[in-house]
Amino acid sequence: MTRLFANTIPKKRKKLLFVCSEDWYFVSHRLALARAAQMRGWEIVIACRANEAAIGLREEGFRVIDLKIARGGLSPVSSLATISALWKIMRREKPDVVVNIAIQCVILSVLAGLLAGVSHSVNMVTGLGFVFVSNDRKARLVRAVISFILRIYAFFPSVGVIVQNRDDHALISEFGFSGARLSLIKGSGVDLQKYIPKLVVREDESQSPKTAIFVARMLWSKGLRELIAAIDLLQRKGRRYRVWLVGDVDLANPDSAAVSDLEKWQQQGLVEWLGRRSDIPALLNQSDLAVLPSWREGLPKSLLEAAACGLAMVATDVPGCREIVKHNETGLLVPLLDQQALADAIEALMEDDTRRYRLGRQARIMVEEELCDAVVVQKTLAVIEAGTS
């Protein structure tokens, strides 16, 4: 009787703690993963800066803890405050696995987890950010500190890493991560039911200006300056395209453009700055070409969404971008910082509808087969659950 009763006692649900800087970023990049983990029986807790997006997360049954994570760098004072807050959360919540999203959360939260006795952490290096592409003195110093810390973390068997492209895989392996502790999973996935190609080609395309769309934070390292210069070159040549900039400035980031820059370019008729928008699928379906001349990426969500919508793409031949833009297959790659090559590539695709449509169709097929939510979430859950077996 006692044995029978014991078998009816429900097992305690395993707890998964996500650590992310912003609630809106979590919704954009990792909501599908959280939903899938919840369906598998995990209790989901999300520590992030809780604003408007946190309301929807709580409505889905996730617990959201407001975490005032430091912005604008890894200053010692603000970093210690964040580590202390995370240590307290982990001691109280006792998660079975912690998933840290993006490099700043990785650096701060892994240390908190080690101090709190967390048995397993999965660390998503979604791109190595401004400090790994800039050569100014401060960036080089921060890069050296981050590299040193990652080498230290590599000594701890409980710490695993997921990267999004082959270049970052090679770099992180140099820090000492290998085998089952280092996984390559391309991107964060995309909802194929939400991001779909437009059903019909506009009949008036030859009459109205074609539209290029740039979706990103307004950062110099996203290639913003090169894009503006390329559009200026095209206009001087008589090629006048509509160019949408979709995204906010990030004034806590030293890499951010100023509002005055964007207003000036708009007044000059070079671009239309739309700010951050929630209707990205609709904007993509009104666009003809996606452009991202970034300096370095993990695997850019903006290009992933554009490819899902069947858009051809122009991007720089750098880590991350070349994982999704296959030259002459799904788009065109151009050399880093080459304004003329960027202008030429934009013009080549804008002026050749047949080629542009062909590349866009192939981009959609690639996403369906390799990069959609179903594929990425399954692979990521396998890594997370491997640490609890």
Protein backbone atom coordinates (compact mmCIF):
# COMPACT_ATOMS: atom_id res chain seq x y z
CA MET A 1 0.00 0.00 0.00
CA THR A 2 2.75 2.40 0.94
CA ARG A 3 4.63 1.55 -2.23
CA LEU A 4 1.52 2.14 -4.36
CA PHE A 5 0.94 5.49 -2.68
CA ALA A 6 4.55 6.50 -3.22
CA ASN A 7 4.22 5.88 -6.95
CA THR A 8 1.31 8.34 -7.11
CA ILE A 9 3.27 11.22 -5.64
CA PRO A 10 3.86 13.73 -8.50
CA LYS A 11 7.44 14.36 -9.40
CA LYS A 12 8.76 17.83 -8.75
CA ARG A 13 8.93 19.86 -11.96
CA LYS A 14 12.38 20.78 -13.12
CA LYS A 15 13.03 24.51 -13.14
CA LEU A 16 14.61 26.44 -16.01
CA LEU A 17 15.87 29.96 -15.32
CA PHE A 18 16.48 32.24 -18.29
CA VAL A 19 18.68 35.31 -17.78
CA CYS A 20 18.23 37.98 -20.45
CA SER A 21 18.87 41.71 -20.54
CA GLU A 22 15.49 42.88 -21.87
CA ASP A 23 11.98 41.41 -21.85
CA TRP A 24 11.29 42.49 -25.46
CA TYR A 25 14.47 40.75 -26.63
CA PHE A 26 13.41 37.54 -24.92
CA VAL A 27 10.01 37.68 -26.63
CA SER A 28 11.63 38.34 -30.00
CA HIS A 29 14.37 35.71 -29.78
CA ARG A 30 13.54 33.00 -27.21
CA LEU A 31 9.79 32.88 -26.63
CA ALA A 32 9.37 29.75 -28.79
CA LEU A 33 12.05 27.99 -26.75
CA ALA A 34 10.36 28.89 -23.45
CA ARG A 35 6.99 27.70 -24.74
CA ALA A 36 8.45 24.39 -25.90
CA ALA A 37 10.23 23.83 -22.58
CA GLN A 38 7.02 24.59 -20.71
CA MET A 39 5.18 22.05 -22.87
CA ARG A 40 7.86 19.49 -21.90
CA GLY A 41 7.03 20.05 -18.22
CA TRP A 42 9.65 22.62 -17.19
CA GLU A 43 8.79 25.41 -14.79
CA ILE A 44 9.96 28.60 -16.52
CA VAL A 45 11.43 31.60 -14.69
CA ILE A 46 12.77 34.60 -16.60
CA ALA A 47 15.08 37.17 -15.02
CA CYS A 48 15.23 40.29 -17.16
CA ARG A 49 14.48 43.99 -17.21
CA ALA A 50 10.70 43.76 -16.91
CA ASN A 51 8.73 46.31 -18.89
CA GLU A 52 5.71 46.02 -21.20
CA ALA A 53 6.68 42.69 -22.77
CA ALA A 54 6.79 41.10 -19.32
CA ILE A 55 3.01 41.43 -19.09
CA GLY A 56 2.51 39.02 -21.99
CA LEU A 57 5.12 36.64 -20.60
CA ARG A 58 3.30 36.43 -17.29
CA GLU A 59 -0.01 35.86 -19.08
CA GLU A 60 1.54 32.77 -20.68
CA GLY A 61 2.31 31.30 -17.27
CA PHE A 62 5.97 32.26 -17.01
CA ARG A 63 7.30 33.84 -13.84
CA VAL A 64 9.20 37.05 -14.59
CA ILE A 65 11.68 38.51 -12.12
CA ASP A 66 12.63 42.13 -12.66
CA LEU A 67 16.41 42.26 -12.99
CA LYS A 68 18.02 45.67 -13.38
CA ILE A 69 20.93 44.38 -15.40
CA ALA A 70 23.66 46.91 -16.13
CA ARG A 71 23.62 48.54 -19.56
CA GLY A 72 26.41 50.21 -21.49
CA GLY A 73 29.33 48.01 -20.59
CA LEU A 74 30.83 45.85 -17.86
CA SER A 75 31.67 48.51 -15.28
CA PRO A 76 32.88 46.95 -12.01
CA VAL A 77 30.29 48.62 -9.75
CA SER A 78 27.19 47.89 -11.85
CA SER A 79 28.47 44.42 -12.73
CA LEU A 80 28.94 43.48 -9.07
CA ALA A 81 25.41 44.70 -8.31
CA THR A 82 24.01 42.52 -11.11
CA ILE A 83 26.04 39.48 -10.01
CA SER A 84 24.79 39.94 -6.44
CA ALA A 85 21.17 40.19 -7.62
CA LEU A 86 21.56 37.07 -9.76
CA TRP A 87 23.21 35.14 -6.91
CA LYS A 88 20.23 35.93 -4.67
CA ILE A 89 17.76 34.86 -7.37
CA MET A 90 19.59 31.57 -7.95
CA ARG A 91 19.89 30.79 -4.24
CA ARG A 92 16.17 31.38 -3.82
CA GLU A 93 14.92 29.69 -7.01
CA LYS A 94 17.36 26.73 -7.06
CA PRO A 95 17.07 26.18 -10.83
CA ASP A 96 18.07 22.87 -12.38
CA VAL A 97 19.46 24.71 -15.43
CA VAL A 98 20.26 28.36 -16.08
CA VAL A 99 20.19 29.62 -19.67
CA ASN A 100 22.11 32.87 -20.15
CA ILE A 101 21.35 34.83 -23.30
CA ALA A 102 23.99 37.08 -24.94
CA ILE A 103 27.55 37.77 -23.90
CA GLN A 104 26.95 40.26 -21.08
CA CYS A 105 24.53 37.94 -19.30
CA VAL A 106 26.94 35.06 -19.87
CA ILE A 107 29.84 36.89 -18.23
CA LEU A 108 27.86 38.06 -15.19
CA SER A 109 25.42 35.18 -14.66
CA VAL A 110 27.90 32.30 -14.95
CA LEU A 111 29.89 33.75 -12.04
CA ALA A 112 26.71 34.18 -10.01
CA GLY A 113 25.76 30.60 -10.82
CA LEU A 114 29.11 29.19 -9.80
CA LEU A 115 28.90 31.04 -6.50
CA ALA A 116 25.32 29.87 -5.97
CA GLY A 117 26.11 26.24 -6.76
CA VAL A 118 24.09 25.98 -9.99
CA SER A 119 24.64 22.50 -11.38
CA HIS A 120 24.39 23.35 -15.08
CA SER A 121 24.35 26.49 -17.23
CA VAL A 122 23.80 26.82 -20.98
CA ASN A 123 25.29 30.01 -22.33
CA MET A 124 24.08 31.44 -25.62
CA VAL A 125 26.80 33.51 -27.26
CA THR A 126 24.52 35.20 -29.78
CA GLY A 127 27.26 37.41 -31.14
CA LEU A 128 30.35 38.94 -29.63
CA GLY A 129 29.26 42.53 -29.94
CA PHE A 130 30.93 45.87 -30.45
CA VAL A 131 33.99 45.08 -28.32
CA PHE A 132 35.00 42.21 -30.63
CA VAL A 133 34.88 44.36 -33.79
CA SER A 134 36.16 47.71 -32.56
CA ASN A 135 39.86 48.50 -32.30
CA ASP A 136 39.67 51.47 -29.98
CA ARG A 137 41.58 51.22 -26.72
CA LYS A 138 38.59 50.67 -24.43
CA ALA A 139 37.13 47.96 -26.68
CA ARG A 140 40.45 46.13 -26.83
CA LEU A 141 40.68 46.20 -23.02
CA VAL A 142 37.12 44.89 -22.55
CA ARG A 143 37.75 42.23 -25.21
CA ALA A 144 40.82 41.03 -23.33
CA VAL A 145 38.85 40.87 -20.06
CA ILE A 146 35.97 38.92 -21.64
CA SER A 147 38.37 36.50 -23.31
CA PHE A 148 40.19 35.91 -20.01
CA ILE A 149 36.92 35.30 -18.14
CA LEU A 150 35.71 32.82 -20.76
CA ARG A 151 38.98 30.91 -20.49
CA ILE A 152 38.40 30.65 -16.73
CA TYR A 153 34.81 29.45 -17.22
CA ALA A 154 36.07 26.74 -19.56
CA PHE A 155 37.62 24.98 -16.55
CA PHE A 156 34.18 24.33 -15.03
CA PRO A 157 32.36 21.22 -16.39
CA SER A 158 28.98 22.69 -15.45
CA VAL A 159 29.35 25.51 -18.00
CA GLY A 160 28.30 24.86 -21.60
CA VAL A 161 28.15 27.21 -24.57
CA ILE A 162 25.95 27.49 -27.66
CA VAL A 163 27.21 29.59 -30.58
CA GLN A 164 25.41 30.55 -33.78
CA ASN A 165 28.11 30.44 -36.44
CA ARG A 166 31.28 28.59 -37.37
CA ASP A 167 33.59 31.55 -36.71
CA ASP A 168 32.39 31.95 -33.13
CA HIS A 169 32.62 28.16 -32.70
CA ALA A 170 36.29 28.29 -33.65
CA LEU A 171 36.94 31.25 -31.33
CA ILE A 172 35.16 29.78 -28.29
CA SER A 173 36.92 26.45 -28.80
CA GLU A 174 40.23 28.32 -28.52
CA PHE A 175 39.12 29.43 -25.05
CA GLY A 176 38.92 25.78 -23.96
CA PHE A 177 35.33 24.71 -24.63
CA SER A 178 34.96 21.51 -26.63
CA GLY A 179 32.97 18.32 -27.08
CA ALA A 180 29.48 18.24 -25.62
CA ARG A 181 30.14 21.56 -23.85
CA LEU A 182 30.25 23.51 -27.12
CA SER A 183 27.32 23.37 -29.56
CA LEU A 184 26.69 25.11 -32.87
CA ILE A 185 23.01 25.94 -33.38
CA LYS A 186 22.36 28.46 -36.12
CA GLY A 187 20.20 31.36 -34.98
CA SER A 188 17.23 31.60 -32.66
CA GLY A 189 14.63 30.30 -35.11
CA VAL A 190 11.69 32.01 -36.80
CA ASP A 191 7.94 31.35 -36.83
CA LEU A 192 7.08 30.24 -40.37
CA GLN A 193 3.39 30.94 -39.77
CA LYS A 194 4.09 34.56 -38.84
CA TYR A 195 6.83 35.36 -41.34
CA ILE A 196 5.60 34.31 -44.77
CA PRO A 197 6.38 35.50 -48.30
CA LYS A 198 3.96 37.99 -49.80
CA LEU A 199 1.37 36.16 -51.83
CA VAL A 200 1.57 38.27 -54.98
CA VAL A 201 4.17 40.46 -56.59
CA ARG A 202 3.11 44.08 -56.82
CA GLU A 203 1.95 44.83 -60.33
CA ASP A 204 3.08 48.43 -60.09
CA GLU A 205 6.66 47.65 -59.05
CA SER A 206 8.08 49.17 -62.22
CA GLN A 207 6.25 52.43 -61.46
CA SER A 208 6.90 52.96 -57.75
CA PRO A 209 10.23 53.13 -55.90
CA LYS A 210 11.50 49.79 -54.67
CA THR A 211 12.11 49.50 -50.95
CA ALA A 212 15.21 48.30 -49.11
CA ILE A 213 14.75 47.55 -45.41
CA PHE A 214 17.40 47.66 -42.66
CA VAL A 215 16.18 46.18 -39.35
CA ALA A 216 18.57 46.60 -36.42
CA ARG A 217 19.44 48.85 -33.55
CA MET A 218 20.87 52.06 -34.94
CA LEU A 219 24.50 51.13 -34.26
CA TRP A 220 27.57 51.98 -36.31
CA SER A 221 28.71 48.35 -36.06
CA LYS A 222 25.53 47.31 -37.87
CA GLY A 223 26.97 49.06 -40.92
CA LEU A 224 24.79 52.14 -40.61
CA ARG A 225 27.43 54.57 -41.85
CA GLU A 226 28.29 52.36 -44.84
CA LEU A 227 24.61 52.02 -45.74
CA ILE A 228 24.04 55.77 -45.71
CA ALA A 229 27.15 56.31 -47.86
CA ALA A 230 25.98 53.63 -50.31
CA ILE A 231 22.52 55.19 -50.63
CA ASP A 232 24.15 58.57 -51.25
CA LEU A 233 26.29 57.02 -54.01
CA LEU A 234 23.20 55.49 -55.60
CA GLN A 235 21.26 58.76 -55.50
CA ARG A 236 24.13 60.63 -57.13
CA LYS A 237 23.92 58.01 -59.88
CA GLY A 238 20.19 58.61 -60.29
CA ARG A 239 19.05 55.43 -58.50
CA ARG A 240 16.45 56.52 -55.98
CA TYR A 241 15.14 53.74 -53.78
CA ARG A 242 13.05 53.97 -50.65
CA VAL A 243 15.18 52.90 -47.67
CA TRP A 244 13.54 52.07 -44.34
CA LEU A 245 15.59 52.07 -41.14
CA VAL A 246 13.67 50.04 -38.55
CA GLY A 247 14.95 50.11 -34.98
CA ASP A 248 15.80 52.41 -32.09
CA VAL A 249 18.94 54.19 -31.11
CA ASP A 250 20.63 52.72 -28.02
CA LEU A 251 22.09 55.67 -26.17
CA ALA A 252 23.49 53.47 -23.39
CA ASN A 253 25.70 51.89 -26.05
CA PRO A 254 28.83 53.84 -27.11
CA ASP A 255 28.31 52.39 -30.58
CA SER A 256 24.94 54.08 -31.10
CA ALA A 257 24.14 56.71 -33.69
CA ALA A 258 22.48 59.87 -32.38
CA VAL A 259 18.89 60.84 -33.03
CA SER A 260 20.22 63.96 -34.77
CA ASP A 261 22.11 61.76 -37.27
CA LEU A 262 18.95 59.89 -38.22
CA GLU A 263 16.89 63.06 -38.46
CA LYS A 264 19.54 64.64 -40.69
CA TRP A 265 19.62 61.69 -43.09
CA GLN A 266 15.84 61.70 -43.23
CA GLN A 267 15.76 65.43 -43.99
CA GLN A 268 18.29 64.84 -46.77
CA GLY A 269 15.94 62.30 -48.33
CA LEU A 270 18.35 59.39 -47.95
CA VAL A 271 16.26 57.22 -45.64
CA GLU A 272 13.02 56.98 -43.68
CA TRP A 273 13.62 56.22 -40.01
CA LEU A 274 10.64 54.27 -38.65
CA GLY A 275 11.98 53.59 -35.15
CA ARG A 276 11.23 50.32 -33.37
CA ARG A 277 8.18 48.62 -34.83
CA SER A 278 6.02 45.68 -33.83
CA ASP A 279 4.77 45.00 -37.37
CA ILE A 280 7.99 43.65 -38.86
CA PRO A 281 6.29 40.91 -40.94
CA ALA A 282 4.09 43.52 -42.63
CA LEU A 283 7.04 45.82 -43.31
CA LEU A 284 9.04 42.95 -44.80
CA ASN A 285 6.13 42.12 -47.08
CA GLN A 286 6.13 45.71 -48.30
CA SER A 287 9.87 45.57 -49.00
CA ASP A 288 11.88 44.32 -51.96
CA LEU A 289 15.31 43.77 -50.41
CA ALA A 290 16.82 43.30 -46.95
CA VAL A 291 20.17 44.94 -46.20
CA LEU A 292 22.53 44.46 -43.24
CA PRO A 293 26.15 45.58 -43.76
CA SER A 294 27.08 44.59 -40.18
CA TRP A 295 30.64 44.20 -38.92
CA ARG A 296 29.97 40.93 -37.05
CA GLU A 297 26.92 38.92 -35.95
CA GLY A 298 25.88 35.72 -34.24
CA LEU A 299 23.21 34.92 -36.79
CA PRO A 300 21.14 38.07 -37.38
CA LYS A 301 17.47 37.70 -36.52
CA SER A 302 16.57 40.49 -38.94
CA LEU A 303 17.99 38.59 -41.91
CA LEU A 304 16.43 35.34 -40.68
CA GLU A 305 13.01 37.01 -40.68
CA ALA A 306 13.65 38.59 -44.07
CA ALA A 307 14.63 35.24 -45.55
CA ALA A 308 11.48 33.65 -44.09
CA CYS A 309 9.48 36.33 -45.91
CA GLY A 310 11.19 35.39 -49.18
CA LEU A 311 13.38 38.47 -49.49
CA ALA A 312 16.75 38.45 -51.17
CA MET A 313 19.46 39.94 -48.95
CA VAL A 314 22.61 42.03 -49.16
CA ALA A 315 25.06 41.71 -46.28
CA THR A 316 28.73 41.86 -45.45
CA ASP A 317 30.95 38.80 -45.75
CA VAL A 318 31.51 38.53 -41.98
CA PRO A 319 30.79 35.96 -39.25
CA GLY A 320 27.08 35.43 -38.78
CA CYS A 321 25.90 37.16 -41.94
CA ARG A 322 27.50 34.60 -44.22
CA GLU A 323 25.69 31.80 -42.37
CA ILE A 324 22.40 32.97 -43.85
CA VAL A 325 23.40 34.98 -46.92
CA LYS A 326 24.84 32.48 -49.37
CA HIS A 327 26.45 34.46 -52.17
CA ASN A 328 24.40 34.22 -55.35
CA GLU A 329 22.10 31.68 -53.66
CA THR A 330 20.07 33.65 -51.11
CA GLY A 331 21.62 37.08 -51.60
CA LEU A 332 24.85 38.93 -52.21
CA LEU A 333 27.83 39.30 -49.88
CA VAL A 334 30.07 42.37 -50.02
CA PRO A 335 33.41 43.14 -48.36
CA LEU A 336 33.34 44.76 -44.92
CA LEU A 337 33.25 48.60 -44.97
CA ASP A 338 33.13 48.71 -48.79
CA GLN A 339 30.55 51.40 -49.53
CA GLN A 340 30.86 51.13 -53.30
CA ALA A 341 30.46 47.35 -53.32
CA LEU A 342 27.42 47.72 -51.06
CA ALA A 343 25.87 50.27 -53.43
CA ASP A 344 26.61 48.05 -56.44
CA ALA A 345 25.03 44.99 -54.80
CA ILE A 346 21.87 46.89 -53.83
CA GLU A 347 21.56 48.25 -57.35
CA ALA A 348 22.22 44.86 -58.96
CA LEU A 349 19.32 43.22 -57.14
CA MET A 350 16.93 46.16 -57.23
CA GLU A 351 17.30 46.38 -61.00
CA ASP A 352 16.94 42.65 -61.68
CA ASP A 353 13.53 41.45 -60.54
CA THR A 354 13.96 37.89 -61.80
CA ARG A 355 17.24 37.40 -59.95
CA ARG A 356 15.93 39.02 -56.80
CA TYR A 357 12.83 36.81 -56.71
CA ARG A 358 14.92 33.69 -57.32
CA LEU A 359 17.27 34.46 -54.43
CA GLY A 360 14.31 35.24 -52.18
CA ARG A 361 12.60 31.93 -52.94
CA GLN A 362 15.80 30.06 -52.16
CA ALA A 363 16.17 31.99 -48.90
CA ARG A 364 12.71 30.86 -47.79
CA ILE A 365 13.50 27.23 -48.62
CA MET A 366 16.73 27.42 -46.60
CA VAL A 367 14.85 28.74 -43.56
CA GLU A 368 12.20 26.02 -43.84
CA GLU A 369 14.82 23.28 -43.95
CA GLU A 370 17.46 24.55 -41.50
CA LEU A 371 16.57 27.65 -39.49
CA CYS A 372 12.91 27.63 -38.46
CA ASP A 373 11.65 27.50 -34.86
CA ALA A 374 10.94 23.77 -35.00
CA VAL A 375 14.53 22.89 -35.91
CA VAL A 376 16.30 25.38 -33.63
CA VAL A 377 14.10 24.77 -30.59
CA GLN A 378 14.48 20.99 -30.83
CA LYS A 379 18.27 21.24 -30.99
CA THR A 380 18.44 23.76 -28.15
CA LEU A 381 16.17 21.74 -25.85
CA ALA A 382 18.37 18.70 -26.46
CA VAL A 383 21.40 20.67 -25.19
CA ILE A 384 19.49 21.98 -22.16
CA GLU A 385 18.08 18.60 -21.15
CA ALA A 386 21.39 16.80 -21.68
CA GLY A 387 22.70 18.63 -18.64
CA THR A 388 20.00 17.17 -16.39
CA SER A 389 20.23 13.51 -17.40
